[in-house]
Structure formats: C-alpha cells, structure tokens
PDB file of N, CA and C in Angstrom:
ATOM      1  N   UNK A   1     279.708 158.891 156.708  1.00  0.00           N
ATOM      2  CA  UNK A   1     278.289 159.165 156.704  1.00  0.00           C
ATOM      3  C   UNK A   1     277.588 158.101 157.541  1.00  0.00           C
ATOM      4  N   UNK A   2     276.836 158.544 158.539  1.00  0.00           N
ATOM      5  CA  UNK A   2     276.143 157.581 159.393  1.00  0.00           C
ATOM      6  C   UNK A   2     274.767 157.248 158.803  1.00  0.00           C
ATOM      7  N   UNK A   3     274.371 156.045 159.027  1.00  0.00           N
ATOM      8  CA  UNK A   3     273.095 155.578 158.517  1.00  0.00           C
ATOM      9  C   UNK A   3     272.042 155.707 159.617  1.00  0.00           C
ATOM     10  N   UNK A   4     270.918 156.331 159.295  1.00  0.00           N
ATOM     11  CA  UNK A   4     269.842 156.491 160.269  1.00  0.00           C
ATOM     12  C   UNK A   4     269.033 155.206 160.359  1.00  0.00           C
ATOM     13  N   UNK A   5     268.615 154.892 161.551  1.00  0.00           N
ATOM     14  CA  UNK A   5     267.722 153.756 161.746  1.00  0.00           C
ATOM     15  C   UNK A   5     266.464 154.252 162.447  1.00  0.00           C
ATOM     16  N   UNK A   6     265.369 153.621 162.132  1.00  0.00           N
ATOM     17  CA  UNK A   6     264.084 154.006 162.685  1.00  0.00           C
ATOM     18  C   UNK A   6     263.412 152.789 163.300  1.00  0.00           C
ATOM     19  N   UNK A   7     262.704 153.038 164.379  1.00  0.00           N
ATOM     20  CA  UNK A   7     261.923 151.967 165.007  1.00  0.00           C
ATOM     21  C   UNK A   7     260.682 151.731 164.159  1.00  0.00           C
ATOM     22  N   UNK A   8     260.196 150.504 164.107  1.00  0.00           N
ATOM     23  CA  UNK A   8     258.971 150.228 163.344  1.00  0.00           C
ATOM     24  C   UNK A   8     257.792 151.006 163.937  1.00  0.00           C
ATOM     25  N   UNK A   9     256.904 151.455 163.067  1.00  0.00           N
ATOM     26  CA  UNK A   9     255.710 152.176 163.492  1.00  0.00           C
ATOM     27  C   UNK A   9     254.730 151.198 164.105  1.00  0.00           C
ATOM     28  N   UNK A  10     254.196 151.539 165.243  1.00  0.00           N
ATOM     29  CA  UNK A  10     253.180 150.710 165.891  1.00  0.00           C
ATOM     30  C   UNK A  10     252.050 151.623 166.343  1.00  0.00           C
ATOM     31  N   UNK A  11     250.949 151.614 165.601  1.00  0.00           N
ATOM     32  CA  UNK A  11     249.839 152.516 165.923  1.00  0.00           C
ATOM     33  C   UNK A  11     249.266 152.246 167.302  1.00  0.00           C
ATOM     34  N   UNK A  12     249.393 151.030 167.805  1.00  0.00           N
ATOM     35  CA  UNK A  12     248.850 150.702 169.131  1.00  0.00           C
ATOM     36  C   UNK A  12     249.462 151.587 170.215  1.00  0.00           C
ATOM     37  N   UNK A  13     250.674 152.039 170.011  1.00  0.00           N
ATOM     38  CA  UNK A  13     251.339 152.899 170.994  1.00  0.00           C
ATOM     39  C   UNK A  13     250.635 154.242 171.158  1.00  0.00           C
ATOM     40  N   UNK A  14     249.891 154.668 170.158  1.00  0.00           N
ATOM     41  CA  UNK A  14     249.271 155.989 170.165  1.00  0.00           C
ATOM     42  C   UNK A  14     247.774 155.937 170.493  1.00  0.00           C
ATOM     43  N   UNK A  15     247.259 154.751 170.688  1.00  0.00           N
ATOM     44  CA  UNK A  15     245.835 154.578 170.990  1.00  0.00           C
ATOM     45  C   UNK A  15     245.660 154.551 172.503  1.00  0.00           C
ATOM     46  N   UNK A  16     245.764 155.720 173.094  1.00  0.00           N
ATOM     47  CA  UNK A  16     245.850 155.822 174.547  1.00  0.00           C
ATOM     48  C   UNK A  16     244.571 156.293 175.227  1.00  0.00           C
ATOM     49  N   UNK A  17     243.574 156.731 174.444  1.00  0.00           N
ATOM     50  CA  UNK A  17     242.315 157.161 175.066  1.00  0.00           C
ATOM     51  C   UNK A  17     241.157 156.844 174.131  1.00  0.00           C
ATOM     52  N   UNK A  18     239.955 156.847 174.697  1.00  0.00           N
ATOM     53  CA  UNK A  18     238.766 156.444 173.937  1.00  0.00           C
ATOM     54  C   UNK A  18     238.523 157.333 172.720  1.00  0.00           C
ATOM     55  N   UNK A  19     238.735 158.616 172.852  1.00  0.00           N
ATOM     56  CA  UNK A  19     238.497 159.538 171.732  1.00  0.00           C
ATOM     57  C   UNK A  19     239.409 159.214 170.554  1.00  0.00           C
ATOM     58  N   UNK A  20     240.665 158.973 170.828  1.00  0.00           N
ATOM     59  CA  UNK A  20     241.625 158.631 169.773  1.00  0.00           C
ATOM     60  C   UNK A  20     241.265 157.291 169.135  1.00  0.00           C
ATOM     61  N   UNK A  21     240.868 156.329 169.950  1.00  0.00           N
ATOM     62  CA  UNK A  21     240.507 155.002 169.443  1.00  0.00           C
ATOM     63  C   UNK A  21     239.295 155.088 168.517  1.00  0.00           C
ATOM     64  N   UNK A  22     238.267 155.823 168.929  1.00  0.00           N
ATOM     65  CA  UNK A  22     237.066 155.952 168.103  1.00  0.00           C
ATOM     66  C   UNK A  22     237.396 156.633 166.786  1.00  0.00           C
ATOM     67  N   UNK A  23     238.155 157.701 166.833  1.00  0.00           N
ATOM     68  CA  UNK A  23     238.530 158.408 165.601  1.00  0.00           C
ATOM     69  C   UNK A  23     239.347 157.495 164.682  1.00  0.00           C
ATOM     70  N   UNK A  24     240.277 156.752 165.255  1.00  0.00           N
ATOM     71  CA  UNK A  24     241.106 155.820 164.500  1.00  0.00           C
ATOM     72  C   UNK A  24     240.248 154.771 163.787  1.00  0.00           C
ATOM     73  N   UNK A  25     239.289 154.191 164.516  1.00  0.00           N
ATOM     74  CA  UNK A  25     238.433 153.172 163.914  1.00  0.00           C
ATOM     75  C   UNK A  25     237.476 153.766 162.890  1.00  0.00           C
ATOM     76  N   UNK A  26     237.008 154.986 163.098  1.00  0.00           N
ATOM     77  CA  UNK A  26     236.142 155.631 162.106  1.00  0.00           C
ATOM     78  C   UNK A  26     236.891 155.819 160.790  1.00  0.00           C
ATOM     79  N   UNK A  27     238.114 156.278 160.873  1.00  0.00           N
ATOM     80  CA  UNK A  27     238.908 156.464 159.658  1.00  0.00           C
ATOM     81  C   UNK A  27     239.171 155.120 158.980  1.00  0.00           C
ATOM     82  N   UNK A  28     239.473 154.095 159.769  1.00  0.00           N
ATOM     83  CA  UNK A  28     239.706 152.758 159.198  1.00  0.00           C
ATOM     84  C   UNK A  28     238.456 152.232 158.519  1.00  0.00           C
ATOM     85  N   UNK A  29     237.297 152.461 159.108  1.00  0.00           N
ATOM     86  CA  UNK A  29     236.034 151.991 158.537  1.00  0.00           C
ATOM     87  C   UNK A  29     235.708 152.722 157.238  1.00  0.00           C
ATOM     88  N   UNK A  30     236.086 153.979 157.137  1.00  0.00           N
ATOM     89  CA  UNK A  30     235.844 154.762 155.923  1.00  0.00           C
ATOM     90  C   UNK A  30     236.609 154.229 154.715  1.00  0.00           C
ATOM     91  N   UNK A  31     237.634 153.440 154.951  1.00  0.00           N
ATOM     92  CA  UNK A  31     238.412 152.852 153.850  1.00  0.00           C
ATOM     93  C   UNK A  31     237.612 151.803 153.090  1.00  0.00           C
ATOM     94  N   UNK A  32     236.530 151.332 153.660  1.00  0.00           N
ATOM     95  CA  UNK A  32     235.659 150.292 153.094  1.00  0.00           C
ATOM     96  C   UNK A  32     236.414 149.014 152.708  1.00  0.00           C
ATOM     97  N   UNK A  33     237.464 148.726 153.436  1.00  0.00           N
ATOM     98  CA  UNK A  33     238.249 147.513 153.241  1.00  0.00           C
ATOM     99  C   UNK A  33     238.162 146.702 154.533  1.00  0.00           C
ATOM    100  N   UNK A  34     237.413 145.603 154.525  1.00  0.00           N
ATOM    101  CA  UNK A  34     237.234 144.829 155.758  1.00  0.00           C
ATOM    102  C   UNK A  34     238.546 144.399 156.411  1.00  0.00           C
ATOM    103  N   UNK A  35     239.526 144.005 155.611  1.00  0.00           N
ATOM    104  CA  UNK A  35     240.808 143.572 156.167  1.00  0.00           C
ATOM    105  C   UNK A  35     241.515 144.731 156.876  1.00  0.00           C
ATOM    106  N   UNK A  36     241.446 145.906 156.286  1.00  0.00           N
ATOM    107  CA  UNK A  36     242.061 147.090 156.876  1.00  0.00           C
ATOM    108  C   UNK A  36     241.390 147.417 158.206  1.00  0.00           C
ATOM    109  N   UNK A  37     240.055 147.342 158.227  1.00  0.00           N
ATOM    110  CA  UNK A  37     239.319 147.623 159.459  1.00  0.00           C
ATOM    111  C   UNK A  37     239.650 146.594 160.536  1.00  0.00           C
ATOM    112  N   UNK A  38     239.709 145.316 160.171  1.00  0.00           N
ATOM    113  CA  UNK A  38     240.006 144.286 161.160  1.00  0.00           C
ATOM    114  C   UNK A  38     241.417 144.461 161.726  1.00  0.00           C
ATOM    115  N   UNK A  39     242.345 144.856 160.900  1.00  0.00           N
ATOM    116  CA  UNK A  39     243.708 145.129 161.372  1.00  0.00           C
ATOM    117  C   UNK A  39     243.676 146.284 162.367  1.00  0.00           C
ATOM    118  N   UNK A  40     242.869 147.308 162.093  1.00  0.00           N
ATOM    119  CA  UNK A  40     242.737 148.443 163.009  1.00  0.00           C
ATOM    120  C   UNK A  40     242.130 147.990 164.340  1.00  0.00           C
ATOM    121  N   UNK A  41     241.119 147.136 164.287  1.00  0.00           N
ATOM    122  CA  UNK A  41     240.525 146.592 165.513  1.00  0.00           C
ATOM    123  C   UNK A  41     241.593 145.805 166.283  1.00  0.00           C
ATOM    124  N   UNK A  42     242.414 145.071 165.555  1.00  0.00           N
ATOM    125  CA  UNK A  42     243.520 144.337 166.185  1.00  0.00           C
ATOM    126  C   UNK A  42     244.501 145.270 166.873  1.00  0.00           C
ATOM    127  N   UNK A  43     244.791 146.404 166.254  1.00  0.00           N
ATOM    128  CA  UNK A  43     245.684 147.378 166.878  1.00  0.00           C
ATOM    129  C   UNK A  43     245.088 147.935 168.164  1.00  0.00           C
ATOM    130  N   UNK A  44     243.780 148.173 168.145  1.00  0.00           N
ATOM    131  CA  UNK A  44     243.105 148.654 169.355  1.00  0.00           C
ATOM    132  C   UNK A  44     243.157 147.580 170.438  1.00  0.00           C
ATOM    133  N   UNK A  45     242.911 146.338 170.056  1.00  0.00           N
ATOM    134  CA  UNK A  45     242.959 145.240 171.023  1.00  0.00           C
ATOM    135  C   UNK A  45     244.356 145.109 171.632  1.00  0.00           C
ATOM    136  N   UNK A  46     245.383 145.272 170.810  1.00  0.00           N
ATOM    137  CA  UNK A  46     246.752 145.227 171.335  1.00  0.00           C
ATOM    138  C   UNK A  46     247.002 146.387 172.287  1.00  0.00           C
ATOM    139  N   UNK A  47     246.478 147.557 171.946  1.00  0.00           N
ATOM    140  CA  UNK A  47     246.655 148.729 172.810  1.00  0.00           C
ATOM    141  C   UNK A  47     245.983 148.513 174.163  1.00  0.00           C
ATOM    142  N   UNK A  48     244.859 147.810 174.159  1.00  0.00           N
ATOM    143  CA  UNK A  48     244.113 147.552 175.395  1.00  0.00           C
ATOM    144  C   UNK A  48     244.650 146.335 176.149  1.00  0.00           C
ATOM    145  N   UNK A  49     245.440 145.527 175.459  1.00  0.00           N
ATOM    146  CA  UNK A  49     245.977 144.303 176.057  1.00  0.00           C
ATOM    147  C   UNK A  49     245.282 143.085 175.473  1.00  0.00           C
ATOM    148  N   UNK A  50     245.915 142.462 174.507  1.00  0.00           N
ATOM    149  CA  UNK A  50     245.295 141.368 173.772  1.00  0.00           C
ATOM    150  C   UNK A  50     244.875 140.216 174.690  1.00  0.00           C
ATOM    151  N   UNK A  51     245.672 139.916 175.689  1.00  0.00           N
ATOM    152  CA  UNK A  51     245.335 138.812 176.586  1.00  0.00           C
ATOM    153  C   UNK A  51     244.035 139.097 177.326  1.00  0.00           C
ATOM    154  N   UNK A  52     243.899 140.298 177.870  1.00  0.00           N
ATOM    155  CA  UNK A  52     242.674 140.617 178.614  1.00  0.00           C
ATOM    156  C   UNK A  52     241.471 140.716 177.686  1.00  0.00           C
ATOM    157  N   UNK A  53     241.668 141.230 176.468  1.00  0.00           N
ATOM    158  CA  UNK A  53     240.571 141.287 175.494  1.00  0.00           C
ATOM    159  C   UNK A  53     240.123 139.871 175.143  1.00  0.00           C
ATOM    160  N   UNK A  54     241.071 138.991 174.885  1.00  0.00           N
ATOM    161  CA  UNK A  54     240.745 137.599 174.539  1.00  0.00           C
ATOM    162  C   UNK A  54     239.996 136.917 175.680  1.00  0.00           C
ATOM    163  N   UNK A  55     240.467 137.117 176.906  1.00  0.00           N
ATOM    164  CA  UNK A  55     239.809 136.493 178.056  1.00  0.00           C
ATOM    165  C   UNK A  55     238.377 137.002 178.220  1.00  0.00           C
ATOM    166  N   UNK A  56     238.207 138.321 178.151  1.00  0.00           N
ATOM    167  CA  UNK A  56     236.874 138.883 178.346  1.00  0.00           C
ATOM    168  C   UNK A  56     235.922 138.488 177.223  1.00  0.00           C
ATOM    169  N   UNK A  57     236.445 138.386 175.997  1.00  0.00           N
ATOM    170  CA  UNK A  57     235.617 137.981 174.854  1.00  0.00           C
ATOM    171  C   UNK A  57     235.451 136.465 174.785  1.00  0.00           C
ATOM    172  N   UNK A  58     236.103 135.751 175.686  1.00  0.00           N
ATOM    173  CA  UNK A  58     236.076 134.297 175.741  1.00  0.00           C
ATOM    174  C   UNK A  58     236.565 133.676 174.432  1.00  0.00           C
ATOM    175  N   UNK A  59     237.699 134.199 173.974  1.00  0.00           N
ATOM    176  CA  UNK A  59     238.347 133.708 172.757  1.00  0.00           C
ATOM    177  C   UNK A  59     239.796 133.387 173.078  1.00  0.00           C
ATOM    178  N   UNK A  60     240.378 132.477 172.315  1.00  0.00           N
ATOM    179  CA  UNK A  60     241.792 132.172 172.488  1.00  0.00           C
ATOM    180  C   UNK A  60     242.648 133.333 172.000  1.00  0.00           C
ATOM    181  N   UNK A  61     243.702 133.645 172.758  1.00  0.00           N
ATOM    182  CA  UNK A  61     244.551 134.778 172.404  1.00  0.00           C
ATOM    183  C   UNK A  61     245.189 134.611 171.024  1.00  0.00           C
ATOM    184  N   UNK A  62     245.735 133.437 170.757  1.00  0.00           N
ATOM    185  CA  UNK A  62     246.388 133.212 169.463  1.00  0.00           C
ATOM    186  C   UNK A  62     245.394 133.287 168.312  1.00  0.00           C
ATOM    187  N   UNK A  63     244.207 132.714 168.501  1.00  0.00           N
ATOM    188  CA  UNK A  63     243.208 132.765 167.431  1.00  0.00           C
ATOM    189  C   UNK A  63     242.707 134.195 167.245  1.00  0.00           C
ATOM    190  N   UNK A  64     242.677 134.975 168.326  1.00  0.00           N
ATOM    191  CA  UNK A  64     242.272 136.376 168.213  1.00  0.00           C
ATOM    192  C   UNK A  64     243.303 137.172 167.427  1.00  0.00           C
ATOM    193  N   UNK A  65     244.584 136.934 167.696  1.00  0.00           N
ATOM    194  CA  UNK A  65     245.629 137.587 166.902  1.00  0.00           C
ATOM    195  C   UNK A  65     245.439 137.287 165.415  1.00  0.00           C
ATOM    196  N   UNK A  66     245.175 136.032 165.095  1.00  0.00           N
ATOM    197  CA  UNK A  66     244.981 135.643 163.697  1.00  0.00           C
ATOM    198  C   UNK A  66     243.736 136.299 163.105  1.00  0.00           C
ATOM    199  N   UNK A  67     242.639 136.288 163.868  1.00  0.00           N
ATOM    200  CA  UNK A  67     241.377 136.857 163.373  1.00  0.00           C
ATOM    201  C   UNK A  67     241.502 138.347 163.099  1.00  0.00           C
ATOM    202  N   UNK A  68     242.311 139.038 163.899  1.00  0.00           N
ATOM    203  CA  UNK A  68     242.436 140.494 163.775  1.00  0.00           C
ATOM    204  C   UNK A  68     243.685 140.926 163.017  1.00  0.00           C
ATOM    205  N   UNK A  69     244.291 140.006 162.315  1.00  0.00           N
ATOM    206  CA  UNK A  69     245.520 140.316 161.580  1.00  0.00           C
ATOM    207  C   UNK A  69     245.265 141.051 160.269  1.00  0.00           C
ATOM    208  N   UNK A  70     244.021 141.019 159.797  1.00  0.00           N
ATOM    209  CA  UNK A  70     243.719 141.596 158.497  1.00  0.00           C
ATOM    210  C   UNK A  70     243.949 140.604 157.371  1.00  0.00           C
ATOM    211  N   UNK A  71     244.420 139.404 157.720  1.00  0.00           N
ATOM    212  CA  UNK A  71     244.691 138.374 156.718  1.00  0.00           C
ATOM    213  C   UNK A  71     243.641 137.269 156.732  1.00  0.00           C
ATOM    214  N   UNK A  72     242.703 137.349 157.650  1.00  0.00           N
ATOM    215  CA  UNK A  72     241.642 136.352 157.770  1.00  0.00           C
ATOM    216  C   UNK A  72     240.299 137.045 157.643  1.00  0.00           C
ATOM    217  N   UNK A  73     239.266 136.264 157.491  1.00  0.00           N
ATOM    218  CA  UNK A  73     237.897 136.775 157.480  1.00  0.00           C
ATOM    219  C   UNK A  73     237.186 136.234 158.710  1.00  0.00           C
ATOM    220  N   UNK A  74     237.296 136.957 159.832  1.00  0.00           N
ATOM    221  CA  UNK A  74     236.670 136.438 161.047  1.00  0.00           C
ATOM    222  C   UNK A  74     235.152 136.458 160.955  1.00  0.00           C
ATOM    223  N   UNK A  75     234.534 135.603 161.721  1.00  0.00           N
ATOM    224  CA  UNK A  75     233.072 135.562 161.776  1.00  0.00           C
ATOM    225  C   UNK A  75     232.565 136.849 162.419  1.00  0.00           C
ATOM    226  N   UNK A  76     231.372 137.250 162.012  1.00  0.00           N
ATOM    227  CA  UNK A  76     230.791 138.472 162.543  1.00  0.00           C
ATOM    228  C   UNK A  76     230.600 138.368 164.060  1.00  0.00           C
ATOM    229  N   UNK A  77     230.312 137.163 164.544  1.00  0.00           N
ATOM    230  CA  UNK A  77     230.170 136.974 165.987  1.00  0.00           C
ATOM    231  C   UNK A  77     231.456 137.284 166.737  1.00  0.00           C
ATOM    232  N   UNK A  78     232.577 136.900 166.156  1.00  0.00           N
ATOM    233  CA  UNK A  78     233.878 137.196 166.762  1.00  0.00           C
ATOM    234  C   UNK A  78     234.106 138.693 166.797  1.00  0.00           C
ATOM    235  N   UNK A  79     233.821 139.351 165.682  1.00  0.00           N
ATOM    236  CA  UNK A  79     234.001 140.801 165.590  1.00  0.00           C
ATOM    237  C   UNK A  79     233.126 141.510 166.621  1.00  0.00           C
ATOM    238  N   UNK A  80     231.883 141.076 166.740  1.00  0.00           N
ATOM    239  CA  UNK A  80     230.966 141.707 167.681  1.00  0.00           C
ATOM    240  C   UNK A  80     231.420 141.503 169.128  1.00  0.00           C
ATOM    241  N   UNK A  81     231.915 140.309 169.453  1.00  0.00           N
ATOM    242  CA  UNK A  81     232.425 140.046 170.797  1.00  0.00           C
ATOM    243  C   UNK A  81     233.598 140.962 171.122  1.00  0.00           C
ATOM    244  N   UNK A  82     234.510 141.082 170.175  1.00  0.00           N
ATOM    245  CA  UNK A  82     235.698 141.904 170.407  1.00  0.00           C
ATOM    246  C   UNK A  82     235.309 143.371 170.562  1.00  0.00           C
ATOM    247  N   UNK A  83     234.464 143.875 169.672  1.00  0.00           N
ATOM    248  CA  UNK A  83     234.050 145.272 169.765  1.00  0.00           C
ATOM    249  C   UNK A  83     233.321 145.534 171.080  1.00  0.00           C
ATOM    250  N   UNK A  84     232.473 144.601 171.496  1.00  0.00           N
ATOM    251  CA  UNK A  84     231.766 144.746 172.760  1.00  0.00           C
ATOM    252  C   UNK A  84     232.754 144.786 173.925  1.00  0.00           C
ATOM    253  N   UNK A  85     233.727 143.913 173.886  1.00  0.00           N
ATOM    254  CA  UNK A  85     234.756 143.879 174.926  1.00  0.00           C
ATOM    255  C   UNK A  85     235.527 145.195 174.978  1.00  0.00           C
ATOM    256  N   UNK A  86     235.755 145.790 173.815  1.00  0.00           N
ATOM    257  CA  UNK A  86     236.473 147.058 173.745  1.00  0.00           C
ATOM    258  C   UNK A  86     235.577 148.250 174.083  1.00  0.00           C
ATOM    259  N   UNK A  87     234.289 147.986 174.285  1.00  0.00           N
ATOM    260  CA  UNK A  87     233.360 149.077 174.593  1.00  0.00           C
ATOM    261  C   UNK A  87     232.995 149.898 173.379  1.00  0.00           C
ATOM    262  N   UNK A  88     232.992 149.251 172.212  1.00  0.00           N
ATOM    263  CA  UNK A  88     232.728 149.938 170.950  1.00  0.00           C
ATOM    264  C   UNK A  88     231.502 149.329 170.304  1.00  0.00           C
ATOM    265  N   UNK A  89     230.670 150.189 169.749  1.00  0.00           N
ATOM    266  CA  UNK A  89     229.455 149.734 169.077  1.00  0.00           C
ATOM    267  C   UNK A  89     229.426 150.320 167.676  1.00  0.00           C
ATOM    268  N   UNK A  90     229.187 149.476 166.698  1.00  0.00           N
ATOM    269  CA  UNK A  90     228.964 149.941 165.330  1.00  0.00           C
ATOM    270  C   UNK A  90     227.506 150.331 165.208  1.00  0.00           C
ATOM    271  N   UNK A  91     227.237 151.384 164.489  1.00  0.00           N
ATOM    272  CA  UNK A  91     225.858 151.764 164.243  1.00  0.00           C
ATOM    273  C   UNK A  91     225.610 151.746 162.743  1.00  0.00           C
ATOM    274  N   UNK A  92     224.369 151.585 162.378  1.00  0.00           N
ATOM    275  CA  UNK A  92     223.990 151.504 160.978  1.00  0.00           C
ATOM    276  C   UNK A  92     223.292 152.797 160.581  1.00  0.00           C
ATOM    277  N   UNK A  93     223.600 153.275 159.387  1.00  0.00           N
ATOM    278  CA  UNK A  93     222.980 154.493 158.866  1.00  0.00           C
ATOM    279  C   UNK A  93     222.757 154.306 157.374  1.00  0.00           C
ATOM    280  N   UNK A  94     221.948 155.158 156.787  1.00  0.00           N
ATOM    281  CA  UNK A  94     221.752 155.075 155.343  1.00  0.00           C
ATOM    282  C   UNK A  94     223.072 155.397 154.645  1.00  0.00           C
ATOM    283  N   UNK A  95     223.189 154.992 153.405  1.00  0.00           N
ATOM    284  CA  UNK A  95     224.429 155.238 152.678  1.00  0.00           C
ATOM    285  C   UNK A  95     224.677 156.723 152.441  1.00  0.00           C
ATOM    286  N   UNK A  96     223.676 157.544 152.679  1.00  0.00           N
ATOM    287  CA  UNK A  96     223.842 158.990 152.551  1.00  0.00           C
ATOM    288  C   UNK A  96     224.506 159.598 153.781  1.00  0.00           C
ATOM    289  N   UNK A  97     224.568 158.837 154.864  1.00  0.00           N
ATOM    290  CA  UNK A  97     225.177 159.298 156.096  1.00  0.00           C
ATOM    291  C   UNK A  97     226.487 158.550 156.303  1.00  0.00           C
ATOM    292  N   UNK A  98     227.395 159.184 157.025  1.00  0.00           N
ATOM    293  CA  UNK A  98     228.665 158.529 157.336  1.00  0.00           C
ATOM    294  C   UNK A  98     228.421 157.440 158.366  1.00  0.00           C
ATOM    295  N   UNK A  99     229.156 156.327 158.265  1.00  0.00           N
ATOM    296  CA  UNK A  99     229.099 155.291 159.287  1.00  0.00           C
ATOM    297  C   UNK A  99     229.713 155.839 160.559  1.00  0.00           C
ATOM    298  N   UNK A 100     229.134 155.477 161.661  1.00  0.00           N
ATOM    299  CA  UNK A 100     229.633 156.009 162.930  1.00  0.00           C
ATOM    300  C   UNK A 100     229.952 154.892 163.899  1.00  0.00           C
ATOM    301  N   UNK A 101     230.953 155.134 164.715  1.00  0.00           N
ATOM    302  CA  UNK A 101     231.306 154.253 165.825  1.00  0.00           C
ATOM    303  C   UNK A 101     231.025 155.018 167.093  1.00  0.00           C
ATOM    304  N   UNK A 102     230.593 154.324 168.092  1.00  0.00           N
ATOM    305  CA  UNK A 102     230.375 154.979 169.386  1.00  0.00           C
ATOM    306  C   UNK A 102     231.100 154.184 170.454  1.00  0.00           C
ATOM    307  N   UNK A 103     231.754 154.888 171.324  1.00  0.00           N
ATOM    308  CA  UNK A 103     232.462 154.227 172.425  1.00  0.00           C
ATOM    309  C   UNK A 103     231.684 154.305 173.687  1.00  0.00           C
TER     310      UNK A 103
END
C-alpha cells in the first residue's frame, strides 16, 4: 500500500488577480478576527511579492513578515501602508451593512 503525500496549501498561489484578492480579503474580514485578517493580508503581500511590497511601503521585509503573520498586532499605520501599497482600501459602513474592500 503506497502512502499519499500532499504539498502544503499556500493560498498565495491562487491570488492571481485583483478580483480574487478582494474577494479573499472580504471573506477574511468577515471572520471578525484581526489575526486572521492580517494573515490574509500577508498572503496577498506574498502573492504580490513581499520584497517589493516592503520596499514600496518603506518597511523592512522581515518586520513585515512578522507584522503580517497573524501572530502580532501591527500598528494601524503599518496596516494602512501595506493596504495602500497593495492598492486596497478599507471602507467604513454602519454595522447594518457588510464591510467592503475596494481595489
């Protein structure tokens, strides 16, 4: 009997266009878990190229990996810089409306 092996899942591999990225982040934001959302932002940054995202956001690459790992609580300024670099804007709505992301 042969044993099956599987490659680790990497969502960044599937984040290949703006529509998919926005939908992915909207679903992550709906979880209402900041760490989960930051990890999703990190996956998008990896899909876009973490080095170029870090350079454009004027942040260190290693510190950006840590900030977007879902294990840290990055400053809102860091989050805003990264989202801006990715071409993503968070919008605010009443709690009766769904939160929306725009690319």
